[in-house]
Amino acid sequence: MRQRGGAVVTCAGSPVALIPATDYARERMSHIYGDAGEARQAVHFVPDDPAYAALQRQATCDAQGRFEFAGLRAGSYYVVTRVTWMAGDARQGGVMMRLAQVSDDGAPAQVILSQ
C-alpha cells in the first residue's frame, strides 16, 4: 500500500489467506469487499459454511511482502491480507483482496496486491 507521503508499506509479517473461489466464497467476498477489492465493513455470516474455513490455507508475508502457496490445484482463489502501519497513535492501512487464477500447467502464478 502506498502512504499519502509516497512511502510503500508491505504486508511484512502479516498472515495471508488463500481461499478457494467457491460460490459461497464469491458471495461472501462480494458482500465484504464489493467490486473495488477494498474492505467496506465487518460482515457476519450466519450460518457460516464450515467448508469456507476448512478449505483456507495460510502463509505469512516475508520482509519484502512476498508469500507462497505450493501444490495448488488449478482454479480460482481469493488472496487476502492486511497491510497496516502506525501514524502517531492511529493505525492506518487495511485489508486487501484479489482474485487469482492458478493454471493447470504447473507454472508459478504471481499475484500483486496493491493500492
PDB file of N, CA and C in Angstrom:
ATOM      1  N   MET A   1       0.846  -1.177   0.000  1.00  0.00           N
ATOM      2  CA  MET A   1       0.000   0.000   0.000  1.00  0.00           C
ATOM      3  C   MET A   1       0.887   1.233   0.000  1.00  0.00           C
ATOM      4  N   ARG A   2       0.441   2.238  -0.690  1.00  0.00           N
ATOM      5  CA  ARG A   2       1.213   3.473  -0.728  1.00  0.00           C
ATOM      6  C   ARG A   2       0.618   4.468   0.266  1.00  0.00           C
ATOM      7  N   GLN A   3       1.485   5.014   1.133  1.00  0.00           N
ATOM      8  CA  GLN A   3       1.054   6.023   2.084  1.00  0.00           C
ATOM      9  C   GLN A   3       0.873   7.356   1.376  1.00  0.00           C
ATOM     10  N   ARG A   4       0.187   8.285   2.017  1.00  0.00           N
ATOM     11  CA  ARG A   4      -0.043   9.608   1.411  1.00  0.00           C
ATOM     12  C   ARG A   4       1.261  10.292   1.025  1.00  0.00           C
ATOM     13  N   GLY A   5       2.298  10.106   1.816  1.00  0.00           N
ATOM     14  CA  GLY A   5       3.589  10.725   1.534  1.00  0.00           C
ATOM     15  C   GLY A   5       4.378  10.013   0.453  1.00  0.00           C
ATOM     16  N   GLY A   6       3.859   8.885  -0.061  1.00  0.00           N
ATOM     17  CA  GLY A   6       4.518   8.175  -1.141  1.00  0.00           C
ATOM     18  C   GLY A   6       5.267   6.922  -0.718  1.00  0.00           C
ATOM     19  N   ALA A   7       5.506   6.743   0.575  1.00  0.00           N
ATOM     20  CA  ALA A   7       6.215   5.550   1.047  1.00  0.00           C
ATOM     21  C   ALA A   7       5.347   4.308   0.827  1.00  0.00           C
ATOM     22  N   VAL A   8       5.992   3.197   0.509  1.00  0.00           N
ATOM     23  CA  VAL A   8       5.296   1.938   0.289  1.00  0.00           C
ATOM     24  C   VAL A   8       5.411   1.081   1.534  1.00  0.00           C
ATOM     25  N   VAL A   9       4.291   0.516   1.977  1.00  0.00           N
ATOM     26  CA  VAL A   9       4.243  -0.371   3.141  1.00  0.00           C
ATOM     27  C   VAL A   9       3.777  -1.733   2.657  1.00  0.00           C
ATOM     28  N   THR A  10       4.451  -2.801   3.093  1.00  0.00           N
ATOM     29  CA  THR A  10       4.081  -4.155   2.674  1.00  0.00           C
ATOM     30  C   THR A  10       3.357  -4.877   3.800  1.00  0.00           C
ATOM     31  N   CYS A  11       2.964  -6.088   3.497  1.00  0.00           N
ATOM     32  CA  CYS A  11       2.283  -6.938   4.479  1.00  0.00           C
ATOM     33  C   CYS A  11       3.281  -7.711   5.337  1.00  0.00           C
ATOM     34  N   ALA A  12       4.537  -7.291   5.390  1.00  0.00           N
ATOM     35  CA  ALA A  12       5.595  -7.999   6.113  1.00  0.00           C
ATOM     36  C   ALA A  12       5.123  -8.461   7.491  1.00  0.00           C
ATOM     37  N   GLY A  13       5.217  -9.785   7.713  1.00  0.00           N
ATOM     38  CA  GLY A  13       4.835 -10.373   8.994  1.00  0.00           C
ATOM     39  C   GLY A  13       3.357 -10.652   9.154  1.00  0.00           C
ATOM     40  N   SER A  14       2.547 -10.213   8.228  1.00  0.00           N
ATOM     41  CA  SER A  14       1.097 -10.412   8.326  1.00  0.00           C
ATOM     42  C   SER A  14       0.680 -11.749   7.712  1.00  0.00           C
ATOM     43  N   PRO A  15      -0.400 -12.324   8.213  1.00  0.00           N
ATOM     44  CA  PRO A  15      -0.907 -13.550   7.597  1.00  0.00           C
ATOM     45  C   PRO A  15      -1.557 -13.262   6.250  1.00  0.00           C
ATOM     46  N   VAL A  16      -1.493 -14.252   5.368  1.00  0.00           N
ATOM     47  CA  VAL A  16      -2.139 -14.196   4.062  1.00  0.00           C
ATOM     48  C   VAL A  16      -3.052 -15.411   3.967  1.00  0.00           C
ATOM     49  N   ALA A  17      -4.303 -15.194   3.625  1.00  0.00           N
ATOM     50  CA  ALA A  17      -5.248 -16.303   3.464  1.00  0.00           C
ATOM     51  C   ALA A  17      -5.448 -16.575   1.978  1.00  0.00           C
ATOM     52  N   LEU A  18      -5.475 -17.848   1.636  1.00  0.00           N
ATOM     53  CA  LEU A  18      -5.791 -18.293   0.288  1.00  0.00           C
ATOM     54  C   LEU A  18      -7.095 -19.065   0.383  1.00  0.00           C
ATOM     55  N   ILE A  19      -8.127 -18.585  -0.313  1.00  0.00           N
ATOM     56  CA  ILE A  19      -9.472 -19.115  -0.172  1.00  0.00           C
ATOM     57  C   ILE A  19      -9.977 -19.563  -1.536  1.00  0.00           C
ATOM     58  N   PRO A  20     -10.300 -20.844  -1.707  1.00  0.00           N
ATOM     59  CA  PRO A  20     -10.861 -21.286  -2.992  1.00  0.00           C
ATOM     60  C   PRO A  20     -12.117 -20.480  -3.327  1.00  0.00           C
ATOM     61  N   ALA A  21     -12.245 -20.094  -4.587  1.00  0.00           N
ATOM     62  CA  ALA A  21     -13.364 -19.251  -5.026  1.00  0.00           C
ATOM     63  C   ALA A  21     -14.604 -20.095  -5.296  1.00  0.00           C
ATOM     64  N   THR A  22     -15.157 -20.643  -4.231  1.00  0.00           N
ATOM     65  CA  THR A  22     -16.412 -21.382  -4.328  1.00  0.00           C
ATOM     66  C   THR A  22     -17.561 -20.386  -4.477  1.00  0.00           C
ATOM     67  N   ASP A  23     -18.761 -20.862  -4.764  1.00  0.00           N
ATOM     68  CA  ASP A  23     -19.917 -19.972  -4.854  1.00  0.00           C
ATOM     69  C   ASP A  23     -20.112 -19.213  -3.548  1.00  0.00           C
ATOM     70  N   TYR A  24     -19.964 -19.921  -2.416  1.00  0.00           N
ATOM     71  CA  TYR A  24     -20.122 -19.280  -1.108  1.00  0.00           C
ATOM     72  C   TYR A  24     -19.064 -18.197  -0.911  1.00  0.00           C
ATOM     73  N   ALA A  25     -17.795 -18.502  -1.250  1.00  0.00           N
ATOM     74  CA  ALA A  25     -16.717 -17.527  -1.084  1.00  0.00           C
ATOM     75  C   ALA A  25     -16.946 -16.313  -1.976  1.00  0.00           C
ATOM     76  N   ARG A  26     -17.420 -16.523  -3.190  1.00  0.00           N
ATOM     77  CA  ARG A  26     -17.699 -15.395  -4.095  1.00  0.00           C
ATOM     78  C   ARG A  26     -18.752 -14.461  -3.502  1.00  0.00           C
ATOM     79  N   GLU A  27     -19.828 -15.055  -2.991  1.00  0.00           N
ATOM     80  CA  GLU A  27     -20.879 -14.228  -2.387  1.00  0.00           C
ATOM     81  C   GLU A  27     -20.342 -13.485  -1.167  1.00  0.00           C
ATOM     82  N   ARG A  28     -19.590 -14.172  -0.360  1.00  0.00           N
ATOM     83  CA  ARG A  28     -19.027 -13.576   0.852  1.00  0.00           C
ATOM     84  C   ARG A  28     -18.089 -12.416   0.497  1.00  0.00           C
ATOM     85  N   MET A  29     -17.186 -12.641  -0.454  1.00  0.00           N
ATOM     86  CA  MET A  29     -16.242 -11.587  -0.860  1.00  0.00           C
ATOM     87  C   MET A  29     -16.979 -10.389  -1.448  1.00  0.00           C
ATOM     88  N   SER A  30     -18.032 -10.642  -2.197  1.00  0.00           N
ATOM     89  CA  SER A  30     -18.819  -9.562  -2.769  1.00  0.00           C
ATOM     90  C   SER A  30     -19.430  -8.687  -1.671  1.00  0.00           C
ATOM     91  N   HIS A  31     -19.941  -9.317  -0.608  1.00  0.00           N
ATOM     92  CA  HIS A  31     -20.534  -8.553   0.498  1.00  0.00           C
ATOM     93  C   HIS A  31     -19.476  -7.781   1.281  1.00  0.00           C
ATOM     94  N   ILE A  32     -18.315  -8.388   1.469  1.00  0.00           N
ATOM     95  CA  ILE A  32     -17.282  -7.751   2.279  1.00  0.00           C
ATOM     96  C   ILE A  32     -16.544  -6.669   1.497  1.00  0.00           C
ATOM     97  N   TYR A  33     -16.161  -6.962   0.251  1.00  0.00           N
ATOM     98  CA  TYR A  33     -15.273  -6.087  -0.496  1.00  0.00           C
ATOM     99  C   TYR A  33     -15.927  -5.333  -1.644  1.00  0.00           C
ATOM    100  N   GLY A  34     -17.091  -5.745  -2.087  1.00  0.00           N
ATOM    101  CA  GLY A  34     -17.700  -5.089  -3.242  1.00  0.00           C
ATOM    102  C   GLY A  34     -16.861  -5.301  -4.478  1.00  0.00           C
ATOM    103  N   ASP A  35     -16.990  -4.435  -5.449  1.00  0.00           N
ATOM    104  CA  ASP A  35     -16.265  -4.571  -6.707  1.00  0.00           C
ATOM    105  C   ASP A  35     -14.854  -4.000  -6.644  1.00  0.00           C
ATOM    106  N   ALA A  36     -14.584  -3.122  -5.688  1.00  0.00           N
ATOM    107  CA  ALA A  36     -13.296  -2.430  -5.648  1.00  0.00           C
ATOM    108  C   ALA A  36     -12.189  -3.257  -4.997  1.00  0.00           C
ATOM    109  N   GLY A  37     -12.516  -4.299  -4.247  1.00  0.00           N
ATOM    110  CA  GLY A  37     -11.490  -5.092  -3.589  1.00  0.00           C
ATOM    111  C   GLY A  37     -11.005  -4.508  -2.275  1.00  0.00           C
ATOM    112  N   GLU A  38     -11.683  -3.476  -1.779  1.00  0.00           N
ATOM    113  CA  GLU A  38     -11.318  -2.865  -0.504  1.00  0.00           C
ATOM    114  C   GLU A  38     -12.384  -3.210   0.532  1.00  0.00           C
ATOM    115  N   ALA A  39     -11.945  -3.625   1.716  1.00  0.00           N
ATOM    116  CA  ALA A  39     -12.895  -3.978   2.766  1.00  0.00           C
ATOM    117  C   ALA A  39     -13.768  -2.781   3.094  1.00  0.00           C
ATOM    118  N   ARG A  40     -15.073  -3.026   3.142  1.00  0.00           N
ATOM    119  CA  ARG A  40     -16.026  -1.941   3.406  1.00  0.00           C
ATOM    120  C   ARG A  40     -16.418  -1.881   4.869  1.00  0.00           C
ATOM    121  N   GLN A  41     -16.785  -3.015   5.437  1.00  0.00           N
ATOM    122  CA  GLN A  41     -17.216  -3.045   6.831  1.00  0.00           C
ATOM    123  C   GLN A  41     -17.234  -4.493   7.304  1.00  0.00           C
ATOM    124  N   ALA A  42     -17.319  -4.670   8.608  1.00  0.00           N
ATOM    125  CA  ALA A  42     -17.408  -6.020   9.152  1.00  0.00           C
ATOM    126  C   ALA A  42     -18.774  -6.606   8.808  1.00  0.00           C
ATOM    127  N   VAL A  43     -18.763  -7.824   8.292  1.00  0.00           N
ATOM    128  CA  VAL A  43     -19.991  -8.521   7.931  1.00  0.00           C
ATOM    129  C   VAL A  43     -19.973  -9.867   8.628  1.00  0.00           C
ATOM    130  N   HIS A  44     -21.087 -10.249   9.217  1.00  0.00           N
ATOM    131  CA  HIS A  44     -21.188 -11.548   9.889  1.00  0.00           C
ATOM    132  C   HIS A  44     -22.100 -12.450   9.075  1.00  0.00           C
ATOM    133  N   PHE A  45     -21.663 -13.683   8.838  1.00  0.00           N
ATOM    134  CA  PHE A  45     -22.423 -14.642   8.040  1.00  0.00           C
ATOM    135  C   PHE A  45     -22.955 -15.739   8.946  1.00  0.00           C
ATOM    136  N   VAL A  46     -24.287 -15.830   9.011  1.00  0.00           N
ATOM    137  CA  VAL A  46     -24.933 -16.818   9.873  1.00  0.00           C
ATOM    138  C   VAL A  46     -26.020 -17.505   9.071  1.00  0.00           C
ATOM    139  N   PRO A  47     -25.998 -18.807   8.939  1.00  0.00           N
ATOM    140  CA  PRO A  47     -24.918 -19.685   9.405  1.00  0.00           C
ATOM    141  C   PRO A  47     -23.743 -19.611   8.443  1.00  0.00           C
ATOM    142  N   ASP A  48     -22.553 -19.781   8.973  1.00  0.00           N
ATOM    143  CA  ASP A  48     -21.338 -19.750   8.170  1.00  0.00           C
ATOM    144  C   ASP A  48     -21.060 -21.148   7.634  1.00  0.00           C
ATOM    145  N   ASP A  49     -20.653 -21.249   6.384  1.00  0.00           N
ATOM    146  CA  ASP A  49     -20.336 -22.531   5.771  1.00  0.00           C
ATOM    147  C   ASP A  49     -19.036 -23.061   6.370  1.00  0.00           C
ATOM    148  N   PRO A  50     -19.047 -24.203   7.060  1.00  0.00           N
ATOM    149  CA  PRO A  50     -17.824 -24.715   7.691  1.00  0.00           C
ATOM    150  C   PRO A  50     -16.716 -25.024   6.681  1.00  0.00           C
ATOM    151  N   ALA A  51     -17.067 -25.320   5.444  1.00  0.00           N
ATOM    152  CA  ALA A  51     -16.061 -25.611   4.421  1.00  0.00           C
ATOM    153  C   ALA A  51     -15.245 -24.365   4.081  1.00  0.00           C
ATOM    154  N   TYR A  52     -15.832 -23.176   4.267  1.00  0.00           N
ATOM    155  CA  TYR A  52     -15.126 -21.931   3.961  1.00  0.00           C
ATOM    156  C   TYR A  52     -13.832 -21.848   4.765  1.00  0.00           C
ATOM    157  N   ALA A  53     -13.889 -22.092   6.045  1.00  0.00           N
ATOM    158  CA  ALA A  53     -12.689 -22.055   6.898  1.00  0.00           C
ATOM    159  C   ALA A  53     -11.817 -23.283   6.687  1.00  0.00           C
ATOM    160  N   ALA A  54     -12.438 -24.439   6.494  1.00  0.00           N
ATOM    161  CA  ALA A  54     -11.679 -25.685   6.369  1.00  0.00           C
ATOM    162  C   ALA A  54     -10.823 -25.711   5.105  1.00  0.00           C
ATOM    163  N   LEU A  55     -11.256 -25.047   4.040  1.00  0.00           N
ATOM    164  CA  LEU A  55     -10.534 -25.079   2.768  1.00  0.00           C
ATOM    165  C   LEU A  55      -9.463 -23.997   2.639  1.00  0.00           C
ATOM    166  N   GLN A  56      -9.424 -23.066   3.589  1.00  0.00           N
ATOM    167  CA  GLN A  56      -8.441 -21.987   3.529  1.00  0.00           C
ATOM    168  C   GLN A  56      -7.039 -22.498   3.824  1.00  0.00           C
ATOM    169  N   ARG A  57      -6.063 -21.841   3.201  1.00  0.00           N
ATOM    170  CA  ARG A  57      -4.661 -22.084   3.523  1.00  0.00           C
ATOM    171  C   ARG A  57      -4.076 -20.770   3.993  1.00  0.00           C
ATOM    172  N   GLN A  58      -3.049 -20.841   4.829  1.00  0.00           N
ATOM    173  CA  GLN A  58      -2.432 -19.648   5.406  1.00  0.00           C
ATOM    174  C   GLN A  58      -0.935 -19.609   5.091  1.00  0.00           C
ATOM    175  N   ALA A  59      -0.424 -18.411   4.906  1.00  0.00           N
ATOM    176  CA  ALA A  59       1.011 -18.166   4.766  1.00  0.00           C
ATOM    177  C   ALA A  59       1.300 -16.862   5.501  1.00  0.00           C
ATOM    178  N   THR A  60       2.558 -16.477   5.547  1.00  0.00           N
ATOM    179  CA  THR A  60       2.962 -15.224   6.174  1.00  0.00           C
ATOM    180  C   THR A  60       3.825 -14.442   5.203  1.00  0.00           C
ATOM    181  N   CYS A  61       3.561 -13.150   5.085  1.00  0.00           N
ATOM    182  CA  CYS A  61       4.369 -12.293   4.218  1.00  0.00           C
ATOM    183  C   CYS A  61       5.780 -12.178   4.789  1.00  0.00           C
ATOM    184  N   ASP A  62       6.798 -12.261   3.898  1.00  0.00           N
ATOM    185  CA  ASP A  62       8.169 -12.070   4.357  1.00  0.00           C
ATOM    186  C   ASP A  62       8.468 -10.571   4.444  1.00  0.00           C
ATOM    187  N   ALA A  63       9.706 -10.210   4.732  1.00  0.00           N
ATOM    188  CA  ALA A  63      10.079  -8.809   4.947  1.00  0.00           C
ATOM    189  C   ALA A  63       9.833  -7.941   3.711  1.00  0.00           C
ATOM    190  N   GLN A  64       9.849  -8.557   2.517  1.00  0.00           N
ATOM    191  CA  GLN A  64       9.591  -7.809   1.292  1.00  0.00           C
ATOM    192  C   GLN A  64       8.121  -7.857   0.877  1.00  0.00           C
ATOM    193  N   GLY A  65       7.279  -8.519   1.671  1.00  0.00           N
ATOM    194  CA  GLY A  65       5.864  -8.607   1.342  1.00  0.00           C
ATOM    195  C   GLY A  65       5.528  -9.763   0.420  1.00  0.00           C
ATOM    196  N   ARG A  66       6.446 -10.712   0.279  1.00  0.00           N
ATOM    197  CA  ARG A  66       6.199 -11.873  -0.583  1.00  0.00           C
ATOM    198  C   ARG A  66       5.688 -13.042   0.241  1.00  0.00           C
ATOM    199  N   PHE A  67       4.947 -13.920  -0.420  1.00  0.00           N
ATOM    200  CA  PHE A  67       4.418 -15.121   0.219  1.00  0.00           C
ATOM    201  C   PHE A  67       4.254 -16.175  -0.858  1.00  0.00           C
ATOM    202  N   GLU A  68       4.086 -17.435  -0.434  1.00  0.00           N
ATOM    203  CA  GLU A  68       3.974 -18.515  -1.409  1.00  0.00           C
ATOM    204  C   GLU A  68       3.034 -19.593  -0.907  1.00  0.00           C
ATOM    205  N   PHE A  69       2.262 -20.142  -1.838  1.00  0.00           N
ATOM    206  CA  PHE A  69       1.425 -21.310  -1.599  1.00  0.00           C
ATOM    207  C   PHE A  69       1.828 -22.348  -2.636  1.00  0.00           C
ATOM    208  N   ALA A  70       2.264 -23.500  -2.197  1.00  0.00           N
ATOM    209  CA  ALA A  70       2.725 -24.545  -3.122  1.00  0.00           C
ATOM    210  C   ALA A  70       1.674 -25.643  -3.235  1.00  0.00           C
ATOM    211  N   GLY A  71       1.743 -26.379  -4.337  1.00  0.00           N
ATOM    212  CA  GLY A  71       0.896 -27.551  -4.526  1.00  0.00           C
ATOM    213  C   GLY A  71      -0.579 -27.257  -4.704  1.00  0.00           C
ATOM    214  N   LEU A  72      -0.896 -26.153  -5.342  1.00  0.00           N
ATOM    215  CA  LEU A  72      -2.303 -25.789  -5.542  1.00  0.00           C
ATOM    216  C   LEU A  72      -2.869 -26.459  -6.781  1.00  0.00           C
ATOM    217  N   ARG A  73      -4.127 -26.793  -6.719  1.00  0.00           N
ATOM    218  CA  ARG A  73      -4.841 -27.268  -7.905  1.00  0.00           C
ATOM    219  C   ARG A  73      -5.194 -26.071  -8.780  1.00  0.00           C
ATOM    220  N   ALA A  74      -5.354 -26.332 -10.061  1.00  0.00           N
ATOM    221  CA  ALA A  74      -5.777 -25.268 -10.973  1.00  0.00           C
ATOM    222  C   ALA A  74      -7.141 -24.749 -10.529  1.00  0.00           C
ATOM    223  N   GLY A  75      -7.344 -23.460 -10.675  1.00  0.00           N
ATOM    224  CA  GLY A  75      -8.625 -22.870 -10.319  1.00  0.00           C
ATOM    225  C   GLY A  75      -8.482 -21.433  -9.880  1.00  0.00           C
ATOM    226  N   SER A  76      -9.557 -20.894  -9.333  1.00  0.00           N
ATOM    227  CA  SER A  76      -9.614 -19.514  -8.863  1.00  0.00           C
ATOM    228  C   SER A  76      -9.530 -19.486  -7.350  1.00  0.00           C
ATOM    229  N   TYR A  77      -8.779 -18.528  -6.836  1.00  0.00           N
ATOM    230  CA  TYR A  77      -8.581 -18.384  -5.393  1.00  0.00           C
ATOM    231  C   TYR A  77      -8.612 -16.906  -5.031  1.00  0.00           C
ATOM    232  N   TYR A  78      -9.119 -16.622  -3.835  1.00  0.00           N
ATOM    233  CA  TYR A  78      -9.017 -15.278  -3.274  1.00  0.00           C
ATOM    234  C   TYR A  78      -7.768 -15.227  -2.404  1.00  0.00           C
ATOM    235  N   VAL A  79      -7.001 -14.150  -2.550  1.00  0.00           N
ATOM    236  CA  VAL A  79      -5.835 -13.896  -1.716  1.00  0.00           C
ATOM    237  C   VAL A  79      -6.182 -12.684  -0.862  1.00  0.00           C
ATOM    238  N   VAL A  80      -6.079 -12.844   0.468  1.00  0.00           N
ATOM    239  CA  VAL A  80      -6.486 -11.778   1.386  1.00  0.00           C
ATOM    240  C   VAL A  80      -5.382 -11.556   2.412  1.00  0.00           C
ATOM    241  N   THR A  81      -5.005 -10.296   2.616  1.00  0.00           N
ATOM    242  CA  THR A  81      -4.026  -9.964   3.648  1.00  0.00           C
ATOM    243  C   THR A  81      -4.325  -8.575   4.204  1.00  0.00           C
ATOM    244  N   ARG A  82      -3.591  -8.219   5.232  1.00  0.00           N
ATOM    245  CA  ARG A  82      -3.754  -6.921   5.898  1.00  0.00           C
ATOM    246  C   ARG A  82      -2.427  -6.175   5.825  1.00  0.00           C
ATOM    247  N   VAL A  83      -2.506  -4.891   5.488  1.00  0.00           N
ATOM    248  CA  VAL A  83      -1.331  -4.020   5.485  1.00  0.00           C
ATOM    249  C   VAL A  83      -1.658  -2.852   6.402  1.00  0.00           C
ATOM    250  N   THR A  84      -0.923  -2.749   7.503  1.00  0.00           N
ATOM    251  CA  THR A  84      -1.187  -1.663   8.460  1.00  0.00           C
ATOM    252  C   THR A  84       0.124  -1.026   8.911  1.00  0.00           C
ATOM    253  N   TRP A  85       0.022   0.198   9.383  1.00  0.00           N
ATOM    254  CA  TRP A  85       1.150   0.910   9.957  1.00  0.00           C
ATOM    255  C   TRP A  85       0.596   1.930  10.937  1.00  0.00           C
ATOM    256  N   MET A  86       1.478   2.447  11.772  1.00  0.00           N
ATOM    257  CA  MET A  86       1.075   3.454  12.753  1.00  0.00           C
ATOM    258  C   MET A  86       1.483   4.830  12.257  1.00  0.00           C
ATOM    259  N   ALA A  87       0.573   5.785  12.391  1.00  0.00           N
ATOM    260  CA  ALA A  87       0.845   7.196  12.113  1.00  0.00           C
ATOM    261  C   ALA A  87       0.487   7.934  13.390  1.00  0.00           C
ATOM    262  N   GLY A  88       1.498   8.241  14.176  1.00  0.00           N
ATOM    263  CA  GLY A  88       1.245   8.774  15.511  1.00  0.00           C
ATOM    264  C   GLY A  88       0.621   7.674  16.350  1.00  0.00           C
ATOM    265  N   ASP A  89      -0.524   7.947  16.943  1.00  0.00           N
ATOM    266  CA  ASP A  89      -1.232   6.943  17.740  1.00  0.00           C
ATOM    267  C   ASP A  89      -2.311   6.220  16.948  1.00  0.00           C
ATOM    268  N   ALA A  90      -2.432   6.513  15.670  1.00  0.00           N
ATOM    269  CA  ALA A  90      -3.515   5.938  14.869  1.00  0.00           C
ATOM    270  C   ALA A  90      -2.995   4.851  13.929  1.00  0.00           C
ATOM    271  N   ARG A  91      -3.704   3.722  13.909  1.00  0.00           N
ATOM    272  CA  ARG A  91      -3.392   2.650  12.969  1.00  0.00           C
ATOM    273  C   ARG A  91      -4.018   3.003  11.622  1.00  0.00           C
ATOM    274  N   GLN A  92      -3.243   2.829  10.558  1.00  0.00           N
ATOM    275  CA  GLN A  92      -3.731   3.106   9.216  1.00  0.00           C
ATOM    276  C   GLN A  92      -3.511   1.895   8.335  1.00  0.00           C
ATOM    277  N   GLY A  93      -4.080   1.925   7.138  1.00  0.00           N
ATOM    278  CA  GLY A  93      -3.974   0.812   6.202  1.00  0.00           C
ATOM    279  C   GLY A  93      -5.279   0.062   6.162  1.00  0.00           C
ATOM    280  N   GLY A  94      -5.192  -1.229   5.879  1.00  0.00           N
ATOM    281  CA  GLY A  94      -6.410  -2.010   5.834  1.00  0.00           C
ATOM    282  C   GLY A  94      -6.206  -3.380   5.230  1.00  0.00           C
ATOM    283  N   VAL A  95      -7.315  -4.001   4.880  1.00  0.00           N
ATOM    284  CA  VAL A  95      -7.333  -5.345   4.324  1.00  0.00           C
ATOM    285  C   VAL A  95      -7.417  -5.243   2.803  1.00  0.00           C
ATOM    286  N   MET A  96      -6.690  -6.133   2.128  1.00  0.00           N
ATOM    287  CA  MET A  96      -6.711  -6.154   0.674  1.00  0.00           C
ATOM    288  C   MET A  96      -7.047  -7.557   0.191  1.00  0.00           C
ATOM    289  N   MET A  97      -7.764  -7.629  -0.944  1.00  0.00           N
ATOM    290  CA  MET A  97      -8.182  -8.912  -1.510  1.00  0.00           C
ATOM    291  C   MET A  97      -8.027  -8.850  -3.018  1.00  0.00           C
ATOM    292  N   ARG A  98      -7.656  -9.979  -3.600  1.00  0.00           N
ATOM    293  CA  ARG A  98      -7.578 -10.079  -5.060  1.00  0.00           C
ATOM    294  C   ARG A  98      -7.934 -11.496  -5.467  1.00  0.00           C
ATOM    295  N   LEU A  99      -8.645 -11.627  -6.566  1.00  0.00           N
ATOM    296  CA  LEU A  99      -8.953 -12.932  -7.148  1.00  0.00           C
ATOM    297  C   LEU A  99      -7.781 -13.327  -8.034  1.00  0.00           C
ATOM    298  N   ALA A 100      -7.257 -14.535  -7.837  1.00  0.00           N
ATOM    299  CA  ALA A 100      -6.106 -15.022  -8.598  1.00  0.00           C
ATOM    300  C   ALA A 100      -6.459 -16.322  -9.299  1.00  0.00           C
ATOM    301  N   GLN A 101      -5.821 -16.551 -10.426  1.00  0.00           N
ATOM    302  CA  GLN A 101      -6.032 -17.774 -11.201  1.00  0.00           C
ATOM    303  C   GLN A 101      -4.778 -18.630 -11.140  1.00  0.00           C
ATOM    304  N   VAL A 102      -4.952 -19.909 -10.892  1.00  0.00           N
ATOM    305  CA  VAL A 102      -3.857 -20.872 -10.933  1.00  0.00           C
ATOM    306  C   VAL A 102      -4.108 -21.766 -12.137  1.00  0.00           C
ATOM    307  N   SER A 103      -3.123 -21.841 -13.037  1.00  0.00           N
ATOM    308  CA  SER A 103      -3.287 -22.644 -14.250  1.00  0.00           C
ATOM    309  C   SER A 103      -2.920 -24.096 -13.971  1.00  0.00           C
ATOM    310  N   ASP A 104      -3.298 -24.962 -14.873  1.00  0.00           N
ATOM    311  CA  ASP A 104      -3.026 -26.382 -14.674  1.00  0.00           C
ATOM    312  C   ASP A 104      -1.692 -26.813 -15.281  1.00  0.00           C
ATOM    313  N   ASP A 105      -0.887 -25.857 -15.765  1.00  0.00           N
ATOM    314  CA  ASP A 105       0.391 -26.226 -16.366  1.00  0.00           C
ATOM    315  C   ASP A 105       1.541 -26.276 -15.360  1.00  0.00           C
ATOM    316  N   GLY A 106       1.262 -25.994 -14.107  1.00  0.00           N
ATOM    317  CA  GLY A 106       2.272 -26.066 -13.061  1.00  0.00           C
ATOM    318  C   GLY A 106       3.170 -24.850 -12.975  1.00  0.00           C
ATOM    319  N   ALA A 107       2.952 -23.841 -13.832  1.00  0.00           N
ATOM    320  CA  ALA A 107       3.778 -22.634 -13.799  1.00  0.00           C
ATOM    321  C   ALA A 107       3.423 -21.797 -12.574  1.00  0.00           C
ATOM    322  N   PRO A 108       4.426 -21.199 -11.919  1.00  0.00           N
ATOM    323  CA  PRO A 108       4.133 -20.342 -10.762  1.00  0.00           C
ATOM    324  C   PRO A 108       3.277 -19.153 -11.172  1.00  0.00           C
ATOM    325  N   ALA A 109       2.313 -18.828 -10.351  1.00  0.00           N
ATOM    326  CA  ALA A 109       1.475 -17.653 -10.586  1.00  0.00           C
ATOM    327  C   ALA A 109       1.936 -16.553  -9.636  1.00  0.00           C
ATOM    328  N   GLN A 110       2.046 -15.342 -10.140  1.00  0.00           N
ATOM    329  CA  GLN A 110       2.429 -14.225  -9.298  1.00  0.00           C
ATOM    330  C   GLN A 110       1.240 -13.295  -9.168  1.00  0.00           C
ATOM    331  N   VAL A 111       0.931 -12.937  -7.938  1.00  0.00           N
ATOM    332  CA  VAL A 111      -0.179 -12.034  -7.646  1.00  0.00           C
ATOM    333  C   VAL A 111       0.381 -10.832  -6.929  1.00  0.00           C
ATOM    334  N   ILE A 112       0.011  -9.647  -7.376  1.00  0.00           N
ATOM    335  CA  ILE A 112       0.437  -8.425  -6.719  1.00  0.00           C
ATOM    336  C   ILE A 112      -0.793  -7.752  -6.152  1.00  0.00           C
ATOM    337  N   LEU A 113      -0.803  -7.583  -4.843  1.00  0.00           N
ATOM    338  CA  LEU A 113      -1.871  -6.852  -4.175  1.00  0.00           C
ATOM    339  C   LEU A 113      -1.353  -5.439  -3.966  1.00  0.00           C
ATOM    340  N   SER A 114      -2.013  -4.470  -4.546  1.00  0.00           N
ATOM    341  CA  SER A 114      -1.527  -3.093  -4.404  1.00  0.00           C
ATOM    342  C   SER A 114      -2.699  -2.130  -4.327  1.00  0.00           C
ATOM    343  N   GLN A 115      -2.380  -0.967  -3.851  1.00  0.00           N
ATOM    344  CA  GLN A 115      -3.372   0.078  -3.721  1.00  0.00           C
ATOM    345  C   GLN A 115      -2.728   1.420  -3.805  1.00  0.00           C
TER     346      GLN A 115
END
